């Protein structure tokens, strides 16, 4: 399983990312991960359309972000990414992948 990460800041999916997704899906499942999210503005839908081979597309902000005006954007989407990942992995792999030592 692979995560293909695309930053939301650029609002574009490169042809190389599309080709990489097509190539990877010949051998494994792929989840598109939109990173550094702030405002979707239908970007997730565009990514889904441009990466139809991806099993899912998830929006994620991994760390808290402090904006200049003092507003704080909390992390988001991490639980959704874990759930989407667990959904596509076989049960034995899920246990090994998310095992806490």
Protein backbone atom coordinates (compact mmCIF):
# COMPACT_ATOMS: atom_id res chain seq x y z
CA UNK A 1 0.00 0.00 0.00
CA UNK A 2 1.28 3.49 -0.82
CA UNK A 3 0.29 7.02 0.07
CA UNK A 4 0.73 9.49 -2.77
CA UNK A 5 1.02 12.94 -1.19
CA UNK A 6 -0.03 16.13 -2.97
CA UNK A 7 0.11 19.51 -1.26
CA UNK A 8 -3.12 21.52 -1.28
CA UNK A 9 -1.16 24.79 -1.64
CA UNK A 10 -0.36 24.16 -5.31
CA UNK A 11 -3.91 23.16 -6.31
CA UNK A 12 -2.61 20.93 -9.08
CA UNK A 13 -1.92 17.29 -9.81
CA UNK A 14 1.15 16.84 -11.99
CA UNK A 15 1.18 14.38 -14.90
CA UNK A 16 4.08 12.61 -13.15
CA UNK A 17 1.85 12.03 -10.10
CA UNK A 18 -0.87 10.61 -12.32
CA UNK A 19 1.65 8.30 -14.04
CA UNK A 20 3.11 7.25 -10.68
CA UNK A 21 -0.35 6.37 -9.40
CA UNK A 22 -1.12 4.31 -12.51
CA UNK A 23 2.21 2.51 -12.18
CA UNK A 24 1.92 1.83 -8.47
CA UNK A 25 -1.61 0.48 -8.75
CA UNK A 26 -0.26 -2.31 -10.95
CA UNK A 27 1.41 -3.68 -7.80
CA UNK A 28 -0.34 -2.20 -4.75
CA UNK A 29 -3.23 -0.10 -3.51
CA UNK A 30 -2.76 3.68 -3.48
CA UNK A 31 -4.38 6.31 -1.29
CA UNK A 32 -4.08 9.93 -2.38
CA UNK A 33 -3.19 12.20 0.54
CA UNK A 34 -3.76 15.94 0.19
CA UNK A 35 -1.40 17.58 2.68
CA UNK A 36 -1.22 20.99 4.39
CA UNK A 37 -4.98 21.45 4.03
CA UNK A 38 -6.69 24.78 4.67
CA UNK A 39 -9.59 25.21 2.23
CA UNK A 40 -10.77 22.42 -0.05
CA UNK A 41 -12.56 24.50 -2.73
CA UNK A 42 -13.36 21.22 -4.55
CA UNK A 43 -9.68 20.24 -4.81
CA UNK A 44 -10.37 16.79 -3.31
CA UNK A 45 -12.91 16.14 -6.07
CA UNK A 46 -10.38 17.22 -8.70
CA UNK A 47 -7.75 14.88 -7.23
CA UNK A 48 -10.25 12.00 -7.24
CA UNK A 49 -11.05 12.71 -10.88
CA UNK A 50 -7.36 12.94 -11.88
CA UNK A 51 -6.30 9.87 -9.87
CA UNK A 52 -9.18 7.45 -10.55
CA UNK A 53 -6.99 4.46 -9.73
CA UNK A 54 -6.52 5.64 -6.12
CA UNK A 55 -8.60 3.73 -3.58
CA UNK A 56 -9.43 6.93 -1.71
CA UNK A 57 -8.34 10.57 -1.40
CA UNK A 58 -7.95 11.99 2.10
CA UNK A 59 -7.26 15.59 3.21
CA UNK A 60 -4.76 15.92 6.08
CA UNK A 61 -3.10 18.62 8.16
CA UNK A 62 -0.62 16.72 10.33
CA UNK A 63 0.51 19.55 12.60
CA UNK A 64 -1.09 22.61 14.14
CA UNK A 65 -0.65 25.72 12.00
CA UNK A 66 -0.53 29.26 13.42
CA UNK A 67 -1.68 31.96 10.99
CA UNK A 68 -0.43 35.56 11.11
CA UNK A 69 -3.71 36.86 12.56
CA UNK A 70 -3.38 34.55 15.56
CA UNK A 71 -5.87 31.99 14.29
CA UNK A 72 -4.78 28.39 14.87
CA UNK A 73 -5.64 25.56 12.50
CA UNK A 74 -5.65 22.27 14.41
CA UNK A 75 -4.51 18.97 12.93
CA UNK A 76 -7.24 17.27 10.90
CA UNK A 77 -7.84 14.21 8.82
CA UNK A 78 -5.32 11.93 10.51
CA UNK A 79 -8.02 9.62 11.88
CA UNK A 80 -9.60 9.48 8.43
CA UNK A 81 -6.24 8.56 6.88
CA UNK A 82 -5.71 5.79 9.44
CA UNK A 83 -9.23 4.46 8.80
CA UNK A 84 -8.78 4.60 5.00
CA UNK A 85 -5.45 2.79 5.33
CA UNK A 86 -6.86 0.13 7.65
CA UNK A 87 -9.79 -0.36 5.27
CA UNK A 88 -7.56 -1.40 2.34
CA UNK A 89 -5.05 -3.55 4.27
CA UNK A 90 -5.68 -7.24 4.98
CA UNK A 91 -6.54 -7.84 8.66
CA UNK A 92 -3.13 -9.30 9.54
CA UNK A 93 -1.36 -6.33 7.99
CA UNK A 94 -3.56 -3.89 9.90
CA UNK A 95 -2.53 -5.47 13.18
CA UNK A 96 1.18 -5.33 12.31
CA UNK A 97 0.99 -1.82 10.84
CA UNK A 98 -0.81 -0.23 13.77
CA UNK A 99 0.69 -2.31 16.60
CA UNK A 100 1.86 -0.26 19.57
CA UNK A 101 5.05 -1.53 21.14
